[in-house]
Amino acid sequence: MAYRIVYLPDAVADLDKLYLDISLAAGAKTADDFLEGVIAFIYALEMFPARGTVRDSRIPGLRIIGYRRSISVAFSVRGDDIVILGVFRRGQNISDQILEGRLV
């Protein structure tokens, strides 16, 4: 089955903020390399989306998967779509309330 990655607008904003924060702290090259890795990691879900920790949530099929112990990606599989709900830095709260607000 072929899956399609769909980013919610808040997930795109998360990636933009992550890029900005890294580029300010470590330079554009470092930010480019890190974000390229995060995005490749997300697109690898197309092959096998049943990864990560299934979260008991009001959001059906919510999963959280970690990248390099510094990023958590929240997503759910809906039919043929893998919906990226958010990209969170280590230590950020990933509550149902925050994620449900992104679905509106």
N, C-alpha and C. Protein backbone atom coordinates (compact mmCIF):
# COMPACT_ATOMS: atom_id res chain seq x y z
N MET A 1 0.85 -1.19 0.00
CA MET A 1 0.00 0.00 0.00
C MET A 1 0.89 1.24 0.00
N ALA A 2 0.57 2.17 -0.84
CA ALA A 2 1.32 3.42 -0.92
C ALA A 2 0.67 4.46 -0.01
N TYR A 3 1.46 4.99 0.89
CA TYR A 3 0.98 6.03 1.80
C TYR A 3 1.49 7.38 1.34
N ARG A 4 0.78 8.41 1.73
CA ARG A 4 1.14 9.78 1.37
C ARG A 4 1.34 10.56 2.67
N ILE A 5 2.42 11.32 2.75
CA ILE A 5 2.69 12.16 3.91
C ILE A 5 1.94 13.47 3.74
N VAL A 6 1.17 13.85 4.77
CA VAL A 6 0.43 15.11 4.79
C VAL A 6 0.83 15.86 6.05
N TYR A 7 1.36 17.05 5.88
CA TYR A 7 1.76 17.88 7.01
C TYR A 7 0.63 18.85 7.35
N LEU A 8 0.22 18.88 8.61
CA LEU A 8 -0.69 19.93 9.05
C LEU A 8 0.09 21.24 9.12
N PRO A 9 -0.59 22.38 8.96
CA PRO A 9 0.11 23.68 8.98
C PRO A 9 0.96 23.90 10.24
N ASP A 10 0.48 23.45 11.39
CA ASP A 10 1.26 23.62 12.62
C ASP A 10 2.54 22.78 12.60
N ALA A 11 2.51 21.63 11.94
CA ALA A 11 3.72 20.80 11.82
C ALA A 11 4.76 21.49 10.95
N VAL A 12 4.30 22.14 9.89
CA VAL A 12 5.21 22.92 9.03
C VAL A 12 5.82 24.07 9.84
N ALA A 13 4.98 24.73 10.64
CA ALA A 13 5.48 25.82 11.50
C ALA A 13 6.50 25.28 12.50
N ASP A 14 6.27 24.08 13.03
CA ASP A 14 7.24 23.46 13.95
C ASP A 14 8.59 23.28 13.27
N LEU A 15 8.57 22.78 12.04
CA LEU A 15 9.82 22.59 11.30
C LEU A 15 10.50 23.92 11.00
N ASP A 16 9.73 24.92 10.64
CA ASP A 16 10.30 26.25 10.39
C ASP A 16 10.97 26.82 11.64
N LYS A 17 10.31 26.68 12.78
CA LYS A 17 10.87 27.19 14.04
C LYS A 17 12.12 26.41 14.42
N LEU A 18 12.08 25.12 14.24
CA LEU A 18 13.25 24.29 14.53
C LEU A 18 14.44 24.73 13.68
N TYR A 19 14.20 24.95 12.40
CA TYR A 19 15.26 25.41 11.51
C TYR A 19 15.83 26.75 11.98
N LEU A 20 14.95 27.68 12.29
CA LEU A 20 15.39 29.00 12.74
C LEU A 20 16.22 28.91 14.02
N ASP A 21 15.75 28.14 14.98
CA ASP A 21 16.46 28.00 16.25
C ASP A 21 17.85 27.39 16.05
N ILE A 22 17.93 26.35 15.24
CA ILE A 22 19.23 25.71 15.01
C ILE A 22 20.15 26.62 14.22
N SER A 23 19.62 27.30 13.21
CA SER A 23 20.48 28.17 12.41
C SER A 23 21.03 29.33 13.22
N LEU A 24 20.23 29.85 14.15
CA LEU A 24 20.72 30.93 15.02
C LEU A 24 21.80 30.44 15.98
N ALA A 25 21.65 29.21 16.45
CA ALA A 25 22.60 28.67 17.43
C ALA A 25 23.84 28.05 16.79
N ALA A 26 23.67 27.41 15.62
CA ALA A 26 24.78 26.64 15.07
C ALA A 26 25.06 26.89 13.59
N GLY A 27 24.28 27.76 12.95
CA GLY A 27 24.53 28.08 11.55
C GLY A 27 23.57 27.38 10.60
N ALA A 28 23.46 27.96 9.41
CA ALA A 28 22.52 27.49 8.41
C ALA A 28 22.86 26.08 7.92
N LYS A 29 24.12 25.76 7.75
CA LYS A 29 24.53 24.44 7.27
C LYS A 29 24.08 23.36 8.24
N THR A 30 24.31 23.58 9.51
CA THR A 30 23.90 22.61 10.54
C THR A 30 22.39 22.46 10.55
N ALA A 31 21.67 23.57 10.44
CA ALA A 31 20.20 23.53 10.42
C ALA A 31 19.72 22.78 9.18
N ASP A 32 20.33 23.07 8.02
CA ASP A 32 19.96 22.37 6.78
C ASP A 32 20.14 20.86 6.93
N ASP A 33 21.29 20.46 7.44
CA ASP A 33 21.60 19.03 7.58
C ASP A 33 20.63 18.35 8.55
N PHE A 34 20.37 19.00 9.68
CA PHE A 34 19.48 18.39 10.67
C PHE A 34 18.07 18.26 10.14
N LEU A 35 17.55 19.34 9.54
CA LEU A 35 16.18 19.29 9.02
C LEU A 35 16.05 18.30 7.87
N GLU A 36 17.08 18.20 7.06
CA GLU A 36 17.07 17.21 5.98
C GLU A 36 16.92 15.80 6.57
N GLY A 37 17.62 15.54 7.67
CA GLY A 37 17.51 14.25 8.34
C GLY A 37 16.13 14.01 8.92
N VAL A 38 15.55 15.02 9.56
CA VAL A 38 14.21 14.91 10.13
C VAL A 38 13.19 14.61 9.04
N ILE A 39 13.27 15.35 7.95
CA ILE A 39 12.30 15.18 6.86
C ILE A 39 12.47 13.81 6.20
N ALA A 40 13.69 13.34 6.01
CA ALA A 40 13.92 12.00 5.45
C ALA A 40 13.35 10.94 6.39
N PHE A 41 13.51 11.14 7.68
CA PHE A 41 12.97 10.23 8.69
C PHE A 41 11.45 10.17 8.59
N ILE A 42 10.82 11.33 8.44
CA ILE A 42 9.36 11.39 8.31
C ILE A 42 8.92 10.69 7.03
N TYR A 43 9.58 10.95 5.92
CA TYR A 43 9.18 10.32 4.66
C TYR A 43 9.42 8.82 4.65
N ALA A 44 10.29 8.31 5.51
CA ALA A 44 10.49 6.87 5.62
C ALA A 44 9.24 6.19 6.19
N LEU A 45 8.36 6.95 6.82
CA LEU A 45 7.10 6.39 7.32
C LEU A 45 6.22 5.88 6.19
N GLU A 46 6.41 6.39 4.96
CA GLU A 46 5.62 5.93 3.81
C GLU A 46 5.74 4.42 3.61
N MET A 47 6.89 3.88 3.91
CA MET A 47 7.13 2.45 3.70
C MET A 47 6.55 1.60 4.83
N PHE A 48 6.62 2.09 6.03
CA PHE A 48 6.15 1.32 7.18
C PHE A 48 5.67 2.28 8.27
N PRO A 49 4.42 2.69 8.20
CA PRO A 49 3.92 3.69 9.16
C PRO A 49 3.58 3.14 10.54
N ALA A 50 3.56 1.82 10.69
CA ALA A 50 3.17 1.24 11.98
C ALA A 50 4.37 1.20 12.92
N ARG A 51 5.01 2.36 13.08
CA ARG A 51 6.17 2.49 13.97
C ARG A 51 5.82 3.46 15.08
N GLY A 52 6.69 3.52 16.04
CA GLY A 52 6.48 4.46 17.13
C GLY A 52 5.58 3.88 18.20
N THR A 53 5.34 4.70 19.19
CA THR A 53 4.51 4.30 20.31
C THR A 53 3.08 4.72 20.05
N VAL A 54 2.16 3.75 20.12
CA VAL A 54 0.74 4.07 19.98
C VAL A 54 0.33 4.73 21.29
N ARG A 55 -0.32 5.85 21.19
CA ARG A 55 -0.70 6.64 22.35
C ARG A 55 -2.19 6.49 22.61
N ASP A 56 -2.55 6.20 23.84
CA ASP A 56 -3.95 6.16 24.24
C ASP A 56 -4.44 7.61 24.21
N SER A 57 -5.30 7.91 23.25
CA SER A 57 -5.65 9.30 23.00
C SER A 57 -7.05 9.40 22.41
N ARG A 58 -7.55 10.62 22.44
CA ARG A 58 -8.82 10.89 21.75
C ARG A 58 -8.62 11.02 20.25
N ILE A 59 -7.38 11.09 19.82
CA ILE A 59 -7.05 11.15 18.40
C ILE A 59 -6.82 9.71 17.93
N PRO A 60 -7.67 9.22 17.04
CA PRO A 60 -7.54 7.83 16.59
C PRO A 60 -6.18 7.54 15.97
N GLY A 61 -5.55 6.46 16.42
CA GLY A 61 -4.30 6.01 15.82
C GLY A 61 -3.09 6.89 16.07
N LEU A 62 -3.15 7.73 17.10
CA LEU A 62 -2.02 8.62 17.38
C LEU A 62 -0.78 7.80 17.72
N ARG A 63 0.30 8.17 17.07
CA ARG A 63 1.60 7.55 17.34
C ARG A 63 2.64 8.65 17.55
N ILE A 64 3.61 8.33 18.37
CA ILE A 64 4.74 9.23 18.61
C ILE A 64 6.01 8.44 18.31
N ILE A 65 6.88 9.03 17.51
CA ILE A 65 8.14 8.37 17.18
C ILE A 65 9.28 9.37 17.37
N GLY A 66 10.39 8.89 17.89
CA GLY A 66 11.52 9.77 18.19
C GLY A 66 12.57 9.75 17.11
N TYR A 67 13.24 10.88 16.95
CA TYR A 67 14.35 11.03 16.03
C TYR A 67 15.56 11.53 16.80
N ARG A 68 16.62 10.74 16.83
CA ARG A 68 17.89 11.10 17.46
C ARG A 68 17.74 11.60 18.91
N ARG A 69 16.82 11.08 19.61
CA ARG A 69 16.59 11.43 21.02
C ARG A 69 16.40 12.93 21.27
N SER A 70 16.12 13.68 20.20
CA SER A 70 15.94 15.12 20.39
C SER A 70 14.63 15.64 19.80
N ILE A 71 13.99 14.83 18.96
CA ILE A 71 12.76 15.25 18.29
C ILE A 71 11.71 14.15 18.45
N SER A 72 10.48 14.55 18.67
CA SER A 72 9.35 13.61 18.65
C SER A 72 8.39 14.04 17.55
N VAL A 73 8.00 13.08 16.73
CA VAL A 73 7.06 13.34 15.64
C VAL A 73 5.73 12.69 16.02
N ALA A 74 4.67 13.50 16.06
CA ALA A 74 3.33 13.01 16.34
C ALA A 74 2.60 12.85 15.02
N PHE A 75 2.02 11.66 14.79
CA PHE A 75 1.32 11.42 13.54
C PHE A 75 0.21 10.39 13.73
N SER A 76 -0.67 10.34 12.76
CA SER A 76 -1.68 9.28 12.73
C SER A 76 -1.87 8.85 11.28
N VAL A 77 -2.27 7.61 11.12
CA VAL A 77 -2.53 7.06 9.80
C VAL A 77 -4.03 7.09 9.58
N ARG A 78 -4.43 7.73 8.50
CA ARG A 78 -5.85 7.84 8.14
C ARG A 78 -6.01 7.38 6.71
N GLY A 79 -6.46 6.16 6.55
CA GLY A 79 -6.58 5.61 5.20
C GLY A 79 -5.21 5.50 4.57
N ASP A 80 -5.02 6.17 3.45
CA ASP A 80 -3.73 6.15 2.74
C ASP A 80 -2.84 7.32 3.14
N ASP A 81 -3.28 8.14 4.08
CA ASP A 81 -2.51 9.32 4.50
C ASP A 81 -1.84 9.11 5.85
N ILE A 82 -0.61 9.58 5.94
CA ILE A 82 0.08 9.68 7.21
C ILE A 82 0.07 11.16 7.54
N VAL A 83 -0.72 11.52 8.54
CA VAL A 83 -0.92 12.92 8.89
C VAL A 83 0.08 13.31 9.98
N ILE A 84 0.98 14.22 9.64
CA ILE A 84 1.99 14.70 10.60
C ILE A 84 1.34 15.83 11.39
N LEU A 85 1.10 15.55 12.68
CA LEU A 85 0.43 16.51 13.55
C LEU A 85 1.40 17.53 14.15
N GLY A 86 2.63 17.10 14.37
CA GLY A 86 3.58 18.02 14.97
C GLY A 86 4.97 17.43 15.05
N VAL A 87 5.95 18.32 15.13
CA VAL A 87 7.35 17.95 15.31
C VAL A 87 7.81 18.72 16.54
N PHE A 88 8.10 17.98 17.61
CA PHE A 88 8.35 18.59 18.91
C PHE A 88 9.77 18.33 19.38
N ARG A 89 10.34 19.34 20.01
CA ARG A 89 11.67 19.20 20.60
C ARG A 89 11.58 18.42 21.90
N ARG A 90 12.70 17.83 22.27
CA ARG A 90 12.78 17.08 23.52
C ARG A 90 12.31 17.96 24.68
N GLY A 91 11.45 17.39 25.50
CA GLY A 91 10.96 18.11 26.67
C GLY A 91 9.67 18.87 26.47
N GLN A 92 9.22 19.01 25.21
CA GLN A 92 7.96 19.71 24.98
C GLN A 92 6.80 18.80 25.35
N ASN A 93 5.75 19.40 25.86
CA ASN A 93 4.54 18.67 26.20
C ASN A 93 3.76 18.35 24.92
N ILE A 94 3.40 17.09 24.76
CA ILE A 94 2.61 16.67 23.61
C ILE A 94 1.28 16.14 24.15
N SER A 95 0.39 17.04 24.47
CA SER A 95 -0.89 16.65 25.07
C SER A 95 -1.96 16.51 23.99
N ASP A 96 -3.03 15.78 24.34
CA ASP A 96 -4.18 15.69 23.43
C ASP A 96 -4.73 17.07 23.11
N GLN A 97 -4.75 17.92 24.09
CA GLN A 97 -5.30 19.27 23.89
C GLN A 97 -4.52 20.04 22.82
N ILE A 98 -3.22 19.97 22.88
CA ILE A 98 -2.38 20.65 21.89
C ILE A 98 -2.62 20.03 20.49
N LEU A 99 -2.62 18.71 20.42
CA LEU A 99 -2.77 18.06 19.12
C LEU A 99 -4.17 18.25 18.55
N GLU A 100 -5.18 18.18 19.38
CA GLU A 100 -6.55 18.38 18.90
C GLU A 100 -6.75 19.79 18.36
N GLY A 101 -6.08 20.77 18.97
CA GLY A 101 -6.15 22.14 18.47
C GLY A 101 -5.57 22.28 17.08
N ARG A 102 -4.67 21.40 16.72
CA ARG A 102 -4.05 21.43 15.40
C ARG A 102 -4.95 20.82 14.33
N LEU A 103 -5.92 20.02 14.74
CA LEU A 103 -6.81 19.35 13.79
C LEU A 103 -7.94 20.25 13.32
N VAL A 104 -8.13 21.39 13.96
CA VAL A 104 -9.26 22.27 13.63
C VAL A 104 -9.01 22.99 12.34
